[in-house]
């Protein structure tokens, strides 16, 4: 049985490991909310060993609306 892969299959892809510029190797990362923007949330991926930023990701808000109190 073949599984059909579409573009939507990769919309929610999460990084488990990224290259850390300080450790100079691929390391596990933690996802941290950096900014809540009107067009979506911006996340920062931090090295679990040294805390250096290894990358960012913006998740579009789509049709959902949020009220921040």
PDB file of N, CA and C in Angstrom:
ATOM      1  N   UNK A   1       0.834  -1.166   0.000  1.00  0.00           N
ATOM      2  CA  UNK A   1       0.000   0.000   0.000  1.00  0.00           C
ATOM      3  C   UNK A   1       0.890   1.244   0.000  1.00  0.00           C
ATOM      4  N   UNK A   2       0.686   2.110  -0.966  1.00  0.00           N
ATOM      5  CA  UNK A   2       1.444   3.359  -1.035  1.00  0.00           C
ATOM      6  C   UNK A   2       0.692   4.464  -0.298  1.00  0.00           C
ATOM      7  N   UNK A   3       1.455   5.273   0.384  1.00  0.00           N
ATOM      8  CA  UNK A   3       0.865   6.407   1.093  1.00  0.00           C
ATOM      9  C   UNK A   3       1.093   7.661   0.271  1.00  0.00           C
ATOM     10  N   UNK A   4       0.058   8.405   0.051  1.00  0.00           N
ATOM     11  CA  UNK A   4       0.149   9.630  -0.732  1.00  0.00           C
ATOM     12  C   UNK A   4       0.692  10.757   0.151  1.00  0.00           C
ATOM     13  N   UNK A   5       1.759  11.396  -0.294  1.00  0.00           N
ATOM     14  CA  UNK A   5       2.368  12.504   0.438  1.00  0.00           C
ATOM     15  C   UNK A   5       1.981  13.789  -0.256  1.00  0.00           C
ATOM     16  N   UNK A   6       1.384  14.699   0.494  1.00  0.00           N
ATOM     17  CA  UNK A   6       0.982  15.992  -0.046  1.00  0.00           C
ATOM     18  C   UNK A   6       1.724  17.100   0.686  1.00  0.00           C
ATOM     19  N   UNK A   7       1.601  18.303   0.182  1.00  0.00           N
ATOM     20  CA  UNK A   7       2.238  19.457   0.814  1.00  0.00           C
ATOM     21  C   UNK A   7       1.699  19.655   2.236  1.00  0.00           C
ATOM     22  N   UNK A   8       0.418  19.359   2.459  1.00  0.00           N
ATOM     23  CA  UNK A   8      -0.171  19.520   3.790  1.00  0.00           C
ATOM     24  C   UNK A   8       0.454  18.579   4.810  1.00  0.00           C
ATOM     25  N   UNK A   9       1.082  17.504   4.354  1.00  0.00           N
ATOM     26  CA  UNK A   9       1.717  16.556   5.261  1.00  0.00           C
ATOM     27  C   UNK A   9       2.880  17.185   6.017  1.00  0.00           C
ATOM     28  N   UNK A  10       3.472  18.228   5.452  1.00  0.00           N
ATOM     29  CA  UNK A  10       4.650  18.845   6.054  1.00  0.00           C
ATOM     30  C   UNK A  10       4.347  20.182   6.724  1.00  0.00           C
ATOM     31  N   UNK A  11       3.090  20.576   6.793  1.00  0.00           N
ATOM     32  CA  UNK A  11       2.742  21.861   7.397  1.00  0.00           C
ATOM     33  C   UNK A  11       3.066  21.917   8.884  1.00  0.00           C
ATOM     34  N   UNK A  12       2.943  20.814   9.577  1.00  0.00           N
ATOM     35  CA  UNK A  12       3.160  20.795  11.021  1.00  0.00           C
ATOM     36  C   UNK A  12       4.473  20.109  11.389  1.00  0.00           C
ATOM     37  N   UNK A  13       5.472  20.179  10.547  1.00  0.00           N
ATOM     38  CA  UNK A  13       6.751  19.546  10.796  1.00  0.00           C
ATOM     39  C   UNK A  13       7.480  20.252  11.943  1.00  0.00           C
ATOM     40  N   UNK A  14       7.970  19.488  12.904  1.00  0.00           N
ATOM     41  CA  UNK A  14       8.700  20.031  14.051  1.00  0.00           C
ATOM     42  C   UNK A  14      10.139  19.518  14.026  1.00  0.00           C
ATOM     43  N   UNK A  15      11.064  20.386  14.374  1.00  0.00           N
ATOM     44  CA  UNK A  15      12.475  20.006  14.407  1.00  0.00           C
ATOM     45  C   UNK A  15      12.791  19.305  15.726  1.00  0.00           C
ATOM     46  N   UNK A  16      13.485  18.179  15.653  1.00  0.00           N
ATOM     47  CA  UNK A  16      13.942  17.474  16.849  1.00  0.00           C
ATOM     48  C   UNK A  16      15.402  17.797  17.117  1.00  0.00           C
ATOM     49  N   UNK A  17      16.194  17.917  16.045  1.00  0.00           N
ATOM     50  CA  UNK A  17      17.605  18.274  16.148  1.00  0.00           C
ATOM     51  C   UNK A  17      17.935  19.297  15.072  1.00  0.00           C
ATOM     52  N   UNK A  18      18.794  20.250  15.428  1.00  0.00           N
ATOM     53  CA  UNK A  18      19.295  21.250  14.491  1.00  0.00           C
ATOM     54  C   UNK A  18      20.778  21.469  14.757  1.00  0.00           C
ATOM     55  N   UNK A  19      21.464  22.087  13.802  1.00  0.00           N
ATOM     56  CA  UNK A  19      22.885  22.401  13.972  1.00  0.00           C
ATOM     57  C   UNK A  19      23.030  23.601  14.887  1.00  0.00           C
ATOM     58  N   UNK A  20      23.805  23.442  15.960  1.00  0.00           N
ATOM     59  CA  UNK A  20      24.081  24.532  16.893  1.00  0.00           C
ATOM     60  C   UNK A  20      25.395  25.189  16.483  1.00  0.00           C
ATOM     61  N   UNK A  21      25.388  26.498  16.222  1.00  0.00           N
ATOM     62  CA  UNK A  21      26.626  27.175  15.816  1.00  0.00           C
ATOM     63  C   UNK A  21      27.684  27.240  16.920  1.00  0.00           C
ATOM     64  N   UNK A  22      27.264  27.190  18.173  1.00  0.00           N
ATOM     65  CA  UNK A  22      28.227  27.252  19.273  1.00  0.00           C
ATOM     66  C   UNK A  22      28.824  25.875  19.579  1.00  0.00           C
ATOM     67  N   UNK A  23      27.977  24.845  19.627  1.00  0.00           N
ATOM     68  CA  UNK A  23      28.445  23.475  19.897  1.00  0.00           C
ATOM     69  C   UNK A  23      29.080  22.835  18.659  1.00  0.00           C
ATOM     70  N   UNK A  24      28.799  23.392  17.490  1.00  0.00           N
ATOM     71  CA  UNK A  24      29.341  22.944  16.200  1.00  0.00           C
ATOM     72  C   UNK A  24      28.954  21.502  15.867  1.00  0.00           C
ATOM     73  N   UNK A  25      27.689  21.134  16.197  1.00  0.00           N
ATOM     74  CA  UNK A  25      27.173  19.807  15.853  1.00  0.00           C
ATOM     75  C   UNK A  25      25.646  19.834  15.924  1.00  0.00           C
ATOM     76  N   UNK A  26      25.020  18.777  15.416  1.00  0.00           N
ATOM     77  CA  UNK A  26      23.573  18.648  15.518  1.00  0.00           C
ATOM     78  C   UNK A  26      23.211  18.289  16.951  1.00  0.00           C
ATOM     79  N   UNK A  27      22.269  19.028  17.520  1.00  0.00           N
ATOM     80  CA  UNK A  27      21.886  18.834  18.922  1.00  0.00           C
ATOM     81  C   UNK A  27      20.365  18.825  19.048  1.00  0.00           C
ATOM     82  N   UNK A  28      19.839  18.214  20.104  1.00  0.00           N
ATOM     83  CA  UNK A  28      18.402  18.319  20.362  1.00  0.00           C
ATOM     84  C   UNK A  28      18.044  19.775  20.682  1.00  0.00           C
ATOM     85  N   UNK A  29      16.846  20.188  20.312  1.00  0.00           N
ATOM     86  CA  UNK A  29      16.426  21.573  20.535  1.00  0.00           C
ATOM     87  C   UNK A  29      15.099  21.623  21.280  1.00  0.00           C
ATOM     88  N   UNK A  30      14.883  22.762  21.938  1.00  0.00           N
ATOM     89  CA  UNK A  30      13.611  23.049  22.599  1.00  0.00           C
ATOM     90  C   UNK A  30      12.937  24.186  21.846  1.00  0.00           C
ATOM     91  N   UNK A  31      11.637  24.068  21.668  1.00  0.00           N
ATOM     92  CA  UNK A  31      10.865  25.101  20.973  1.00  0.00           C
ATOM     93  C   UNK A  31      10.325  26.091  21.997  1.00  0.00           C
ATOM     94  N   UNK A  32      10.566  27.388  21.758  1.00  0.00           N
ATOM     95  CA  UNK A  32      10.135  28.435  22.683  1.00  0.00           C
ATOM     96  C   UNK A  32       9.392  29.512  21.893  1.00  0.00           C
ATOM     97  N   UNK A  33       8.227  29.932  22.372  1.00  0.00           N
ATOM     98  CA  UNK A  33       7.481  31.006  21.726  1.00  0.00           C
ATOM     99  C   UNK A  33       8.264  32.305  21.868  1.00  0.00           C
ATOM    100  N   UNK A  34       8.572  32.919  20.740  1.00  0.00           N
ATOM    101  CA  UNK A  34       9.358  34.148  20.732  1.00  0.00           C
ATOM    102  C   UNK A  34       8.461  35.371  20.615  1.00  0.00           C
ATOM    103  N   UNK A  35       7.552  35.364  19.632  1.00  0.00           N
ATOM    104  CA  UNK A  35       6.652  36.490  19.390  1.00  0.00           C
ATOM    105  C   UNK A  35       5.275  35.987  18.984  1.00  0.00           C
ATOM    106  N   UNK A  36       4.245  36.707  19.400  1.00  0.00           N
ATOM    107  CA  UNK A  36       2.885  36.451  18.927  1.00  0.00           C
ATOM    108  C   UNK A  36       2.553  37.588  17.971  1.00  0.00           C
ATOM    109  N   UNK A  37       2.603  37.306  16.681  1.00  0.00           N
ATOM    110  CA  UNK A  37       2.399  38.305  15.637  1.00  0.00           C
ATOM    111  C   UNK A  37       1.003  38.163  15.032  1.00  0.00           C
ATOM    112  N   UNK A  38       0.477  39.224  14.397  1.00  0.00           N
ATOM    113  CA  UNK A  38      -0.831  39.119  13.742  1.00  0.00           C
ATOM    114  C   UNK A  38      -0.863  38.048  12.640  1.00  0.00           C
ATOM    115  N   UNK A  39       0.245  37.856  11.949  1.00  0.00           N
ATOM    116  CA  UNK A  39       0.280  36.863  10.868  1.00  0.00           C
ATOM    117  C   UNK A  39       0.604  35.457  11.355  1.00  0.00           C
ATOM    118  N   UNK A  40       0.955  35.323  12.632  1.00  0.00           N
ATOM    119  CA  UNK A  40       1.239  34.005  13.193  1.00  0.00           C
ATOM    120  C   UNK A  40       2.219  34.090  14.342  1.00  0.00           C
ATOM    121  N   UNK A  41       2.501  32.954  14.947  1.00  0.00           N
ATOM    122  CA  UNK A  41       3.430  32.890  16.069  1.00  0.00           C
ATOM    123  C   UNK A  41       4.828  32.566  15.577  1.00  0.00           C
ATOM    124  N   UNK A  42       5.827  33.254  16.141  1.00  0.00           N
ATOM    125  CA  UNK A  42       7.219  32.999  15.787  1.00  0.00           C
ATOM    126  C   UNK A  42       7.875  32.253  16.940  1.00  0.00           C
ATOM    127  N   UNK A  43       8.466  31.097  16.617  1.00  0.00           N
ATOM    128  CA  UNK A  43       9.110  30.249  17.612  1.00  0.00           C
ATOM    129  C   UNK A  43      10.613  30.244  17.401  1.00  0.00           C
ATOM    130  N   UNK A  44      11.349  30.098  18.489  1.00  0.00           N
ATOM    131  CA  UNK A  44      12.798  30.003  18.461  1.00  0.00           C
ATOM    132  C   UNK A  44      13.172  28.596  18.915  1.00  0.00           C
ATOM    133  N   UNK A  45      14.111  27.958  18.218  1.00  0.00           N
ATOM    134  CA  UNK A  45      14.600  26.637  18.609  1.00  0.00           C
ATOM    135  C   UNK A  45      15.940  26.820  19.315  1.00  0.00           C
ATOM    136  N   UNK A  46      16.006  26.392  20.590  1.00  0.00           N
ATOM    137  CA  UNK A  46      17.194  26.590  21.421  1.00  0.00           C
ATOM    138  C   UNK A  46      17.914  25.274  21.672  1.00  0.00           C
ATOM    139  N   UNK A  47      19.242  25.317  21.612  1.00  0.00           N
ATOM    140  CA  UNK A  47      20.089  24.158  21.918  1.00  0.00           C
ATOM    141  C   UNK A  47      19.865  23.767  23.375  1.00  0.00           C
ATOM    142  N   UNK A  48      19.672  22.468  23.640  1.00  0.00           N
ATOM    143  CA  UNK A  48      19.440  22.023  25.021  1.00  0.00           C
ATOM    144  C   UNK A  48      20.705  22.077  25.871  1.00  0.00           C
ATOM    145  N   UNK A  49      21.872  22.122  25.242  1.00  0.00           N
ATOM    146  CA  UNK A  49      23.137  22.128  25.984  1.00  0.00           C
ATOM    147  C   UNK A  49      23.607  23.534  26.349  1.00  0.00           C
ATOM    148  N   UNK A  50      23.579  24.462  25.389  1.00  0.00           N
ATOM    149  CA  UNK A  50      24.130  25.797  25.660  1.00  0.00           C
ATOM    150  C   UNK A  50      23.098  26.920  25.588  1.00  0.00           C
ATOM    151  N   UNK A  51      21.889  26.641  25.072  1.00  0.00           N
ATOM    152  CA  UNK A  51      20.849  27.664  25.007  1.00  0.00           C
ATOM    153  C   UNK A  51      20.938  28.591  23.810  1.00  0.00           C
ATOM    154  N   UNK A  52      21.861  28.357  22.904  1.00  0.00           N
ATOM    155  CA  UNK A  52      22.023  29.184  21.710  1.00  0.00           C
ATOM    156  C   UNK A  52      20.880  28.925  20.736  1.00  0.00           C
ATOM    157  N   UNK A  53      20.435  29.977  20.063  1.00  0.00           N
ATOM    158  CA  UNK A  53      19.383  29.834  19.065  1.00  0.00           C
ATOM    159  C   UNK A  53      19.926  29.069  17.860  1.00  0.00           C
ATOM    160  N   UNK A  54      19.213  28.004  17.471  1.00  0.00           N
ATOM    161  CA  UNK A  54      19.630  27.187  16.337  1.00  0.00           C
ATOM    162  C   UNK A  54      18.709  27.389  15.134  1.00  0.00           C
ATOM    163  N   UNK A  55      17.647  28.167  15.294  1.00  0.00           N
ATOM    164  CA  UNK A  55      16.732  28.428  14.186  1.00  0.00           C
ATOM    165  C   UNK A  55      15.416  28.996  14.672  1.00  0.00           C
ATOM    166  N   UNK A  56      14.598  29.457  13.723  1.00  0.00           N
ATOM    167  CA  UNK A  56      13.288  30.006  14.038  1.00  0.00           C
ATOM    168  C   UNK A  56      12.255  29.415  13.091  1.00  0.00           C
ATOM    169  N   UNK A  57      10.998  29.541  13.490  1.00  0.00           N
ATOM    170  CA  UNK A  57       9.888  29.064  12.669  1.00  0.00           C
ATOM    171  C   UNK A  57       8.687  29.957  12.929  1.00  0.00           C
ATOM    172  N   UNK A  58       7.984  30.353  11.862  1.00  0.00           N
ATOM    173  CA  UNK A  58       6.754  31.119  11.996  1.00  0.00           C
ATOM    174  C   UNK A  58       5.590  30.243  11.579  1.00  0.00           C
ATOM    175  N   UNK A  59       4.623  30.100  12.476  1.00  0.00           N
ATOM    176  CA  UNK A  59       3.424  29.310  12.210  1.00  0.00           C
ATOM    177  C   UNK A  59       2.304  30.292  11.940  1.00  0.00           C
ATOM    178  N   UNK A  60       1.739  30.243  10.731  1.00  0.00           N
ATOM    179  CA  UNK A  60       0.695  31.196  10.364  1.00  0.00           C
ATOM    180  C   UNK A  60      -0.562  30.969  11.180  1.00  0.00           C
ATOM    181  N   UNK A  61      -1.231  32.058  11.501  1.00  0.00           N
ATOM    182  CA  UNK A  61      -2.428  32.007  12.338  1.00  0.00           C
ATOM    183  C   UNK A  61      -3.621  31.473  11.564  1.00  0.00           C
ATOM    184  N   UNK A  62      -3.643  31.648  10.270  1.00  0.00           N
ATOM    185  CA  UNK A  62      -4.767  31.171   9.467  1.00  0.00           C
ATOM    186  C   UNK A  62      -6.019  31.967   9.760  1.00  0.00           C
ATOM    187  N   UNK A  63      -7.124  31.271   9.910  1.00  0.00           N
ATOM    188  CA  UNK A  63      -8.395  31.926  10.168  1.00  0.00           C
ATOM    189  C   UNK A  63      -8.709  32.088  11.643  1.00  0.00           C
ATOM    190  N   UNK A  64      -7.853  31.569  12.500  1.00  0.00           N
ATOM    191  CA  UNK A  64      -8.131  31.665  13.928  1.00  0.00           C
ATOM    192  C   UNK A  64      -7.814  33.065  14.427  1.00  0.00           C
ATOM    193  N   UNK A  65      -8.656  33.558  15.293  1.00  0.00           N
ATOM    194  CA  UNK A  65      -8.470  34.877  15.910  1.00  0.00           C
ATOM    195  C   UNK A  65      -8.267  34.672  17.401  1.00  0.00           C
ATOM    196  N   UNK A  66      -7.371  35.439  17.977  1.00  0.00           N
ATOM    197  CA  UNK A  66      -7.114  35.320  19.403  1.00  0.00           C
ATOM    198  C   UNK A  66      -7.387  36.630  20.099  1.00  0.00           C
ATOM    199  N   UNK A  67      -7.849  36.526  21.316  1.00  0.00           N
ATOM    200  CA  UNK A  67      -8.037  37.697  22.160  1.00  0.00           C
ATOM    201  C   UNK A  67      -7.065  37.553  23.327  1.00  0.00           C
ATOM    202  N   UNK A  68      -6.205  38.532  23.478  1.00  0.00           N
ATOM    203  CA  UNK A  68      -5.208  38.512  24.537  1.00  0.00           C
ATOM    204  C   UNK A  68      -5.659  39.493  25.615  1.00  0.00           C
ATOM    205  N   UNK A  69      -5.821  38.986  26.818  1.00  0.00           N
ATOM    206  CA  UNK A  69      -6.258  39.836  27.926  1.00  0.00           C
ATOM    207  C   UNK A  69      -5.114  40.161  28.824  1.00  0.00           C
TER     208      UNK A  69
END
